[in-house]
Amino acid sequence: MRKEKFKIKCPKRIQFGDPMYFEDYKNEPERLKKLVVDYKPKPEFKAGVVLTEMEYPEFLV
């Protein structure tokens, strides 16, 4: 198993929601606003990405 860590530039804005909402309600901003969480992190917020390689025996041939 391999694990890699990366530091990334802190995003100015993070939106949480089902990707379908962004497509289905793009012309209805008020409805989209109720379905999606829009978060603006503080400047001291640190962001990173961890990629972990794992084996799943049920997918091995």
N, C-alpha and C. Protein backbone atom coordinates (compact mmCIF):
# COMPACT_ATOMS: atom_id res chain seq x y z
N MET A 1 0.85 -1.18 0.00
CA MET A 1 0.00 0.00 0.00
C MET A 1 0.89 1.24 0.00
N ARG A 2 0.53 2.19 -0.80
CA ARG A 2 1.31 3.42 -0.93
C ARG A 2 0.43 4.60 -0.54
N LYS A 3 1.02 5.57 0.14
CA LYS A 3 0.28 6.77 0.55
C LYS A 3 1.13 7.99 0.20
N GLU A 4 0.52 8.95 -0.47
CA GLU A 4 1.22 10.18 -0.82
C GLU A 4 0.43 11.37 -0.29
N LYS A 5 1.15 12.34 0.27
CA LYS A 5 0.52 13.55 0.80
C LYS A 5 0.98 14.75 0.00
N PHE A 6 0.05 15.64 -0.29
CA PHE A 6 0.34 16.84 -1.05
C PHE A 6 -0.27 18.05 -0.34
N LYS A 7 0.47 19.15 -0.32
CA LYS A 7 -0.09 20.41 0.15
C LYS A 7 -0.69 21.09 -1.07
N ILE A 8 -1.83 21.72 -0.87
CA ILE A 8 -2.47 22.43 -1.98
C ILE A 8 -2.78 23.86 -1.56
N LYS A 9 -2.94 24.71 -2.53
CA LYS A 9 -3.31 26.09 -2.25
C LYS A 9 -4.71 26.10 -1.64
N CYS A 10 -4.86 26.85 -0.58
CA CYS A 10 -6.15 26.90 0.10
C CYS A 10 -7.21 27.54 -0.81
N PRO A 11 -8.33 26.85 -1.01
CA PRO A 11 -9.37 27.43 -1.86
C PRO A 11 -10.05 28.62 -1.17
N LYS A 12 -10.49 29.58 -1.96
CA LYS A 12 -11.20 30.74 -1.41
C LYS A 12 -12.64 30.38 -1.06
N ARG A 13 -13.13 29.31 -1.69
CA ARG A 13 -14.54 28.93 -1.50
C ARG A 13 -14.67 27.43 -1.72
N ILE A 14 -15.46 26.77 -0.85
CA ILE A 14 -15.72 25.34 -0.99
C ILE A 14 -17.23 25.15 -1.00
N GLN A 15 -17.74 24.44 -1.98
CA GLN A 15 -19.17 24.15 -2.05
C GLN A 15 -19.38 22.65 -1.88
N PHE A 16 -20.31 22.31 -0.99
CA PHE A 16 -20.66 20.91 -0.74
C PHE A 16 -22.08 20.68 -1.22
N GLY A 17 -22.28 19.66 -2.04
CA GLY A 17 -23.61 19.33 -2.53
C GLY A 17 -23.53 18.26 -3.60
N ASP A 18 -24.66 17.69 -3.90
CA ASP A 18 -24.74 16.67 -4.93
C ASP A 18 -24.45 17.33 -6.28
N PRO A 19 -23.54 16.77 -7.09
CA PRO A 19 -23.23 17.36 -8.40
C PRO A 19 -24.47 17.57 -9.27
N MET A 20 -25.48 16.74 -9.08
CA MET A 20 -26.71 16.88 -9.85
C MET A 20 -27.39 18.23 -9.56
N TYR A 21 -27.30 18.71 -8.32
CA TYR A 21 -27.91 19.99 -7.97
C TYR A 21 -27.35 21.12 -8.81
N PHE A 22 -26.03 21.11 -9.01
CA PHE A 22 -25.39 22.19 -9.75
C PHE A 22 -25.86 22.23 -11.20
N GLU A 23 -26.18 21.07 -11.76
CA GLU A 23 -26.68 21.01 -13.14
C GLU A 23 -28.17 21.34 -13.20
N ASP A 24 -28.95 20.70 -12.32
CA ASP A 24 -30.40 20.83 -12.38
C ASP A 24 -30.92 22.20 -11.94
N TYR A 25 -30.20 22.88 -11.05
CA TYR A 25 -30.70 24.14 -10.51
C TYR A 25 -29.81 25.33 -10.84
N LYS A 26 -29.01 25.22 -11.91
CA LYS A 26 -28.11 26.32 -12.26
C LYS A 26 -28.87 27.60 -12.62
N ASN A 27 -30.10 27.48 -13.07
CA ASN A 27 -30.91 28.65 -13.42
C ASN A 27 -31.85 29.07 -12.29
N GLU A 28 -31.74 28.38 -11.14
CA GLU A 28 -32.55 28.71 -9.97
C GLU A 28 -31.63 28.92 -8.76
N PRO A 29 -30.94 30.07 -8.72
CA PRO A 29 -29.94 30.29 -7.66
C PRO A 29 -30.50 30.23 -6.24
N GLU A 30 -31.73 30.65 -6.03
CA GLU A 30 -32.30 30.61 -4.68
C GLU A 30 -32.53 29.18 -4.22
N ARG A 31 -32.99 28.31 -5.11
CA ARG A 31 -33.20 26.90 -4.77
C ARG A 31 -31.85 26.22 -4.53
N LEU A 32 -30.88 26.51 -5.37
CA LEU A 32 -29.54 25.93 -5.23
C LEU A 32 -28.92 26.35 -3.90
N LYS A 33 -29.14 27.58 -3.50
CA LYS A 33 -28.61 28.11 -2.24
C LYS A 33 -29.10 27.30 -1.04
N LYS A 34 -30.33 26.78 -1.12
CA LYS A 34 -30.91 25.99 -0.03
C LYS A 34 -30.39 24.55 -0.01
N LEU A 35 -29.91 24.06 -1.15
CA LEU A 35 -29.48 22.67 -1.27
C LEU A 35 -27.97 22.47 -1.08
N VAL A 36 -27.21 23.55 -1.21
CA VAL A 36 -25.75 23.45 -1.21
C VAL A 36 -25.17 24.26 -0.05
N VAL A 37 -24.11 23.74 0.55
CA VAL A 37 -23.40 24.47 1.60
C VAL A 37 -22.24 25.20 0.93
N ASP A 38 -22.18 26.50 1.14
CA ASP A 38 -21.13 27.33 0.56
C ASP A 38 -20.25 27.82 1.72
N TYR A 39 -19.00 27.37 1.76
CA TYR A 39 -18.11 27.66 2.88
C TYR A 39 -16.90 28.46 2.41
N LYS A 40 -16.59 29.53 3.12
CA LYS A 40 -15.40 30.33 2.82
C LYS A 40 -14.43 30.15 3.99
N PRO A 41 -13.35 29.38 3.80
CA PRO A 41 -12.42 29.13 4.89
C PRO A 41 -11.65 30.38 5.32
N LYS A 42 -11.25 30.39 6.59
CA LYS A 42 -10.45 31.48 7.13
C LYS A 42 -9.05 31.43 6.51
N PRO A 43 -8.34 32.54 6.50
CA PRO A 43 -6.99 32.57 5.90
C PRO A 43 -6.02 31.56 6.50
N GLU A 44 -6.18 31.23 7.78
CA GLU A 44 -5.25 30.28 8.41
C GLU A 44 -5.59 28.82 8.11
N PHE A 45 -6.65 28.58 7.38
CA PHE A 45 -7.05 27.23 6.99
C PHE A 45 -5.97 26.62 6.10
N LYS A 46 -5.58 25.38 6.38
CA LYS A 46 -4.59 24.68 5.57
C LYS A 46 -5.27 23.52 4.86
N ALA A 47 -4.93 23.34 3.61
CA ALA A 47 -5.55 22.29 2.81
C ALA A 47 -4.49 21.31 2.32
N GLY A 48 -4.91 20.07 2.15
CA GLY A 48 -4.02 19.04 1.65
C GLY A 48 -4.81 17.91 1.03
N VAL A 49 -4.12 17.06 0.31
CA VAL A 49 -4.74 15.90 -0.33
C VAL A 49 -3.89 14.68 0.02
N VAL A 50 -4.56 13.60 0.40
CA VAL A 50 -3.87 12.34 0.67
C VAL A 50 -4.39 11.30 -0.31
N LEU A 51 -3.48 10.74 -1.11
CA LEU A 51 -3.84 9.67 -2.04
C LEU A 51 -3.33 8.36 -1.47
N THR A 52 -4.24 7.41 -1.28
CA THR A 52 -3.88 6.12 -0.72
C THR A 52 -4.19 5.03 -1.72
N GLU A 53 -3.18 4.22 -2.02
CA GLU A 53 -3.36 3.10 -2.93
C GLU A 53 -3.73 1.88 -2.08
N MET A 54 -4.84 1.23 -2.44
CA MET A 54 -5.30 0.06 -1.69
C MET A 54 -5.67 -1.05 -2.66
N GLU A 55 -5.49 -2.29 -2.22
CA GLU A 55 -5.89 -3.43 -3.03
C GLU A 55 -7.26 -3.91 -2.58
N TYR A 56 -8.08 -4.25 -3.54
CA TYR A 56 -9.39 -4.83 -3.27
C TYR A 56 -9.41 -6.21 -3.91
N PRO A 57 -9.27 -7.28 -3.10
CA PRO A 57 -9.19 -8.64 -3.65
C PRO A 57 -10.35 -9.01 -4.58
N GLU A 58 -11.52 -8.48 -4.32
CA GLU A 58 -12.68 -8.83 -5.16
C GLU A 58 -12.55 -8.28 -6.58
N PHE A 59 -11.63 -7.33 -6.81
CA PHE A 59 -11.44 -6.78 -8.14
C PHE A 59 -10.23 -7.36 -8.86
N LEU A 60 -9.46 -8.18 -8.18
CA LEU A 60 -8.29 -8.79 -8.82
C LEU A 60 -8.72 -9.95 -9.70
N VAL A 61 -8.05 -10.10 -10.82
CA VAL A 61 -8.38 -11.17 -11.76
C VAL A 61 -7.39 -12.29 -11.62
